[in-house]
C-alpha atoms as a PDB file:
ATOM      1  CA  MET A   1     -45.403  -1.894  15.772  1.00  0.00           C
ATOM      2  CA  LEU A   2     -47.751  -5.162  16.493  1.00  0.00           C
ATOM      3  CA  LEU A   3     -45.788  -7.661  17.682  1.00  0.00           C
ATOM      4  CA  GLN A   4     -47.391 -11.106  16.091  1.00  0.00           C
ATOM      5  CA  ILE A   5     -46.935 -14.232  18.975  1.00  0.00           C
ATOM      6  CA  THR A   6     -47.563 -17.578  18.510  1.00  0.00           C
ATOM      7  CA  ILE A   7     -48.622 -19.536  20.953  1.00  0.00           C
ATOM      8  CA  THR A   8     -48.634 -23.380  21.203  1.00  0.00           C
ATOM      9  CA  SER A   9     -49.975 -26.134  23.712  1.00  0.00           C
ATOM     10  CA  TRP A  10     -48.735 -29.719  23.543  1.00  0.00           C
ATOM     11  CA  ASN A  11     -49.158 -32.103  25.761  1.00  0.00           C
ATOM     12  CA  VAL A  12     -45.616 -33.834  24.872  1.00  0.00           C
ATOM     13  CA  ARG A  13     -46.216 -37.252  27.437  1.00  0.00           C
ATOM     14  CA  GLY A  14     -43.045 -37.397  28.476  1.00  0.00           C
ATOM     15  CA  ILE A  15     -39.911 -35.451  27.040  1.00  0.00           C
ATOM     16  CA  SER A  16     -36.942 -37.046  28.537  1.00  0.00           C
ATOM     17  CA  SER A  17     -35.218 -38.961  25.712  1.00  0.00           C
ATOM     18  CA  PRO A  18     -32.541 -36.972  24.320  1.00  0.00           C
ATOM     19  CA  ALA A  19     -34.215 -37.995  20.320  1.00  0.00           C
ATOM     20  CA  LYS A  20     -37.680 -36.562  21.419  1.00  0.00           C
ATOM     21  CA  ARG A  21     -36.609 -33.534  23.077  1.00  0.00           C
ATOM     22  CA  THR A  22     -34.545 -32.591  20.007  1.00  0.00           C
ATOM     23  CA  LYS A  23     -37.811 -34.048  17.545  1.00  0.00           C
ATOM     24  CA  ILE A  24     -40.525 -31.742  19.579  1.00  0.00           C
ATOM     25  CA  LEU A  25     -38.203 -28.395  20.038  1.00  0.00           C
ATOM     26  CA  ASN A  26     -37.351 -28.871  16.303  1.00  0.00           C
ATOM     27  CA  HIS A  27     -40.971 -28.780  15.303  1.00  0.00           C
ATOM     28  CA  LEU A  28     -41.447 -25.996  17.564  1.00  0.00           C
ATOM     29  CA  TYR A  29     -38.881 -24.097  15.627  1.00  0.00           C
ATOM     30  CA  LYS A  30     -40.307 -24.797  12.179  1.00  0.00           C
ATOM     31  CA  ILE A  31     -43.799 -24.017  13.187  1.00  0.00           C
ATOM     32  CA  LYS A  32     -42.162 -20.585  14.643  1.00  0.00           C
ATOM     33  CA  SER A  33     -43.658 -21.137  18.213  1.00  0.00           C
ATOM     34  CA  ASN A  34     -43.015 -17.900  20.519  1.00  0.00           C
ATOM     35  CA  ILE A  35     -44.312 -19.185  23.373  1.00  0.00           C
ATOM     36  CA  CYS A  36     -44.945 -22.625  24.222  1.00  0.00           C
ATOM     37  CA  PHE A  37     -46.519 -24.856  26.811  1.00  0.00           C
ATOM     38  CA  LEU A  38     -45.626 -27.990  27.627  1.00  0.00           C
ATOM     39  CA  GLN A  39     -47.462 -30.388  29.600  1.00  0.00           C
ATOM     40  CA  GLU A  40     -46.563 -34.186  30.875  1.00  0.00           C
ATOM     41  CA  THR A  41     -42.800 -32.997  30.700  1.00  0.00           C
ATOM     42  CA  HIS A  42     -42.213 -36.161  32.902  1.00  0.00           C
ATOM     43  CA  LEU A  43     -38.528 -34.286  33.449  1.00  0.00           C
ATOM     44  CA  THR A  44     -37.002 -33.772  37.569  1.00  0.00           C
ATOM     45  CA  GLU A  45     -35.120 -30.591  38.318  1.00  0.00           C
ATOM     46  CA  GLY A  46     -31.734 -31.113  36.955  1.00  0.00           C
ATOM     47  CA  GLU A  47     -33.072 -32.653  33.307  1.00  0.00           C
ATOM     48  CA  SER A  48     -35.215 -29.599  33.047  1.00  0.00           C
ATOM     49  CA  GLN A  49     -32.242 -27.138  32.139  1.00  0.00           C
ATOM     50  CA  LYS A  50     -31.849 -29.282  28.821  1.00  0.00           C
ATOM     51  CA  LEU A  51     -35.183 -28.324  27.558  1.00  0.00           C
ATOM     52  CA  THR A  52     -33.052 -25.881  25.537  1.00  0.00           C
ATOM     53  CA  ALA A  53     -32.738 -24.365  21.930  1.00  0.00           C
ATOM     54  CA  LYS A  54     -30.623 -21.645  20.249  1.00  0.00           C
ATOM     55  CA  TRP A  55     -34.364 -20.195  19.615  1.00  0.00           C
ATOM     56  CA  ILE A  56     -35.648 -20.051  23.249  1.00  0.00           C
ATOM     57  CA  ASN A  57     -34.018 -17.143  25.175  1.00  0.00           C
ATOM     58  CA  GLN A  58     -36.303 -18.033  28.478  1.00  0.00           C
ATOM     59  CA  ALA A  59     -37.703 -21.265  29.872  1.00  0.00           C
ATOM     60  CA  TYR A  60     -39.657 -22.202  32.946  1.00  0.00           C
ATOM     61  CA  HIS A  61     -40.591 -25.462  34.727  1.00  0.00           C
ATOM     62  CA  SER A  62     -42.721 -27.313  36.881  1.00  0.00           C
ATOM     63  CA  VAL A  63     -41.211 -30.245  38.416  1.00  0.00           C
ATOM     64  CA  TYR A  64     -42.356 -33.614  40.104  1.00  0.00           C
ATOM     65  CA  ASN A  65     -40.080 -36.805  38.819  1.00  0.00           C
ATOM     66  CA  SER A  66     -39.524 -38.579  35.968  1.00  0.00           C
ATOM     67  CA  LYS A  67     -41.951 -41.049  35.743  1.00  0.00           C
ATOM     68  CA  LYS A  68     -45.491 -38.339  36.342  1.00  0.00           C
ATOM     69  CA  ARG A  69     -46.567 -34.683  35.670  1.00  0.00           C
ATOM     70  CA  GLY A  70     -44.068 -31.471  34.640  1.00  0.00           C
ATOM     71  CA  THR A  71     -45.291 -28.227  32.754  1.00  0.00           C
ATOM     72  CA  SER A  72     -42.706 -26.012  30.697  1.00  0.00           C
ATOM     73  CA  ILE A  73     -43.229 -22.657  29.344  1.00  0.00           C
ATOM     74  CA  LEU A  74     -40.600 -21.846  26.785  1.00  0.00           C
ATOM     75  CA  ILE A  75     -40.400 -18.355  25.120  1.00  0.00           C
ATOM     76  CA  SER A  76     -38.668 -17.414  22.026  1.00  0.00           C
ATOM     77  CA  LYS A  77     -35.727 -15.091  21.597  1.00  0.00           C
ATOM     78  CA  ASN A  78     -38.155 -13.102  19.260  1.00  0.00           C
ATOM     79  CA  ILE A  79     -39.870 -11.816  22.235  1.00  0.00           C
ATOM     80  CA  PRO A  80     -39.092  -8.922  24.232  1.00  0.00           C
ATOM     81  CA  PHE A  81     -40.302 -10.937  27.162  1.00  0.00           C
ATOM     82  CA  SER A  82     -38.696  -9.097  30.618  1.00  0.00           C
ATOM     83  CA  HIS A  83     -39.484 -11.533  33.489  1.00  0.00           C
ATOM     84  CA  ILE A  84     -40.954 -10.485  36.715  1.00  0.00           C
ATOM     85  CA  SER A  85     -41.702 -13.718  39.167  1.00  0.00           C
ATOM     86  CA  THR A  86     -42.552 -17.173  38.267  1.00  0.00           C
ATOM     87  CA  LEU A  87     -45.000 -19.427  40.530  1.00  0.00           C
ATOM     88  CA  ALA A  88     -44.312 -23.821  39.871  1.00  0.00           C
ATOM     89  CA  ASP A  89     -45.813 -26.069  41.610  1.00  0.00           C
ATOM     90  CA  PRO A  90     -43.755 -28.562  43.630  1.00  0.00           C
ATOM     91  CA  GLU A  91     -46.197 -31.426  41.973  1.00  0.00           C
ATOM     92  CA  GLY A  92     -45.667 -30.372  38.759  1.00  0.00           C
ATOM     93  CA  CYS A  93     -49.137 -29.356  37.606  1.00  0.00           C
ATOM     94  CA  TYR A  94     -48.651 -25.885  37.429  1.00  0.00           C
ATOM     95  CA  THR A  95     -46.203 -22.839  36.168  1.00  0.00           C
ATOM     96  CA  ILE A  96     -47.362 -19.208  36.377  1.00  0.00           C
ATOM     97  CA  VAL A  97     -44.840 -16.573  35.095  1.00  0.00           C
ATOM     98  CA  THR A  98     -45.675 -12.917  35.035  1.00  0.00           C
ATOM     99  CA  GLY A  99     -43.894 -10.297  32.745  1.00  0.00           C
ATOM    100  CA  SER A 100     -44.038  -8.138  30.009  1.00  0.00           C
ATOM    101  CA  ILE A 101     -43.512  -7.077  26.821  1.00  0.00           C
ATOM    102  CA  GLY A 102     -43.212  -3.468  26.305  1.00  0.00           C
ATOM    103  CA  LYS A 103     -46.035  -2.048  28.239  1.00  0.00           C
ATOM    104  CA  ASP A 104     -47.956  -4.866  28.732  1.00  0.00           C
ATOM    105  CA  THR A 105     -47.694  -6.656  31.656  1.00  0.00           C
ATOM    106  CA  MET A 106     -49.349 -10.437  31.204  1.00  0.00           C
ATOM    107  CA  THR A 107     -49.644 -13.932  32.702  1.00  0.00           C
ATOM    108  CA  LEU A 108     -48.859 -16.782  31.432  1.00  0.00           C
ATOM    109  CA  ALA A 109     -50.388 -20.141  32.846  1.00  0.00           C
ATOM    110  CA  ASN A 110     -49.897 -23.403  32.089  1.00  0.00           C
ATOM    111  CA  ILE A 111     -51.728 -26.293  33.770  1.00  0.00           C
ATOM    112  CA  TYR A 112     -51.625 -29.354  33.808  1.00  0.00           C
ATOM    113  CA  ALA A 113     -54.383 -30.659  36.375  1.00  0.00           C
ATOM    114  CA  LEU A 114     -55.532 -33.883  35.854  1.00  0.00           C
ATOM    115  CA  SER A 115     -53.436 -35.495  37.914  1.00  0.00           C
ATOM    116  CA  LYS A 116     -53.719 -32.732  40.875  1.00  0.00           C
ATOM    117  CA  PHE A 117     -57.940 -33.246  40.715  1.00  0.00           C
ATOM    118  CA  PRO A 118     -58.130 -36.782  39.843  1.00  0.00           C
ATOM    119  CA  ASN A 119     -62.267 -37.236  39.217  1.00  0.00           C
ATOM    120  CA  SER A 120     -63.222 -33.364  38.791  1.00  0.00           C
ATOM    121  CA  CYS A 121     -63.501 -31.316  35.695  1.00  0.00           C
ATOM    122  CA  VAL A 122     -61.380 -28.218  36.005  1.00  0.00           C
ATOM    123  CA  ILE A 123     -63.295 -24.457  35.347  1.00  0.00           C
ATOM    124  CA  LEU A 124     -61.159 -22.317  35.186  1.00  0.00           C
ATOM    125  CA  GLY A 125     -62.869 -18.544  35.503  1.00  0.00           C
ATOM    126  CA  GLY A 126     -61.781 -14.869  36.266  1.00  0.00           C
ATOM    127  CA  ASP A 127     -62.212 -11.409  35.413  1.00  0.00           C
ATOM    128  CA  PHE A 128     -60.268 -10.636  32.482  1.00  0.00           C
ATOM    129  CA  ASN A 129     -61.262  -7.388  31.844  1.00  0.00           C
ATOM    130  CA  ILE A 130     -61.962  -7.921  28.385  1.00  0.00           C
ATOM    131  CA  THR A 131     -65.479  -8.990  26.344  1.00  0.00           C
ATOM    132  CA  LEU A 132     -65.335 -10.452  22.530  1.00  0.00           C
ATOM    133  CA  ASP A 133     -69.220  -9.567  23.031  1.00  0.00           C
ATOM    134  CA  SER A 134     -70.283  -6.347  24.609  1.00  0.00           C
ATOM    135  CA  HIS A 135     -74.179  -7.070  23.952  1.00  0.00           C
ATOM    136  CA  MET A 136     -73.993 -10.668  25.528  1.00  0.00           C
ATOM    137  CA  ASP A 137     -70.749 -10.070  28.328  1.00  0.00           C
ATOM    138  CA  ARG A 138     -72.324  -6.718  29.635  1.00  0.00           C
ATOM    139  CA  SER A 139     -75.135  -5.515  31.474  1.00  0.00           C
ATOM    140  CA  SER A 140     -74.087  -2.222  29.353  1.00  0.00           C
ATOM    141  CA  SER A 141     -73.884  -2.430  25.640  1.00  0.00           C
ATOM    142  CA  THR A 142     -70.966   0.388  26.413  1.00  0.00           C
ATOM    143  CA  SER A 143     -67.804  -1.158  25.846  1.00  0.00           C
ATOM    144  CA  THR A 144     -64.370   0.520  28.143  1.00  0.00           C
ATOM    145  CA  ASN A 145     -61.750  -1.961  26.554  1.00  0.00           C
ATOM    146  CA  LYS A 146     -62.588  -2.243  22.679  1.00  0.00           C
ATOM    147  CA  SER A 147     -58.769  -2.267  21.677  1.00  0.00           C
ATOM    148  CA  ASN A 148     -57.716  -5.226  24.007  1.00  0.00           C
ATOM    149  CA  ARG A 149     -61.215  -6.770  22.539  1.00  0.00           C
ATOM    150  CA  LYS A 150     -59.432  -6.013  19.015  1.00  0.00           C
ATOM    151  CA  ARG A 151     -56.307  -7.916  20.079  1.00  0.00           C
ATOM    152  CA  LEU A 152     -57.685 -10.963  21.013  1.00  0.00           C
ATOM    153  CA  GLN A 153     -59.853 -11.101  18.304  1.00  0.00           C
ATOM    154  CA  GLY A 154     -56.525 -10.708  15.971  1.00  0.00           C
ATOM    155  CA  THR A 155     -58.226  -7.733  14.552  1.00  0.00           C
END
């Protein structure tokens, strides 16, 4: 059975107010978001523990202070995610979580880089071991990762 996952990324511009926090968490629940990437949470370590709801199974955070930065990754109870490791920036600019869903190991990276690199454009690159267009993305048209490409394209 193929698990359908809804991923949401949202710059919340501060979520320390209980009313705003409740409104945002309720909205994420309403849209059935399974994995949520929140940026600019503006939470301290203690306040980040308040970022919970009945539908959230796991939450990972990087915090800075109540006026700036902060990222969170929230994972719904509907996702059988097994946590392996977390890397949280002490300046609140990124949270990176590695884990697995079934046999698939994955890394979830939530980045709020504007404050970390103030006068630059951040370009993320790497070898993601997948191609969307084998004619454009490979020197050979033979693709060894058709199943990964189909999963990414949702087919």
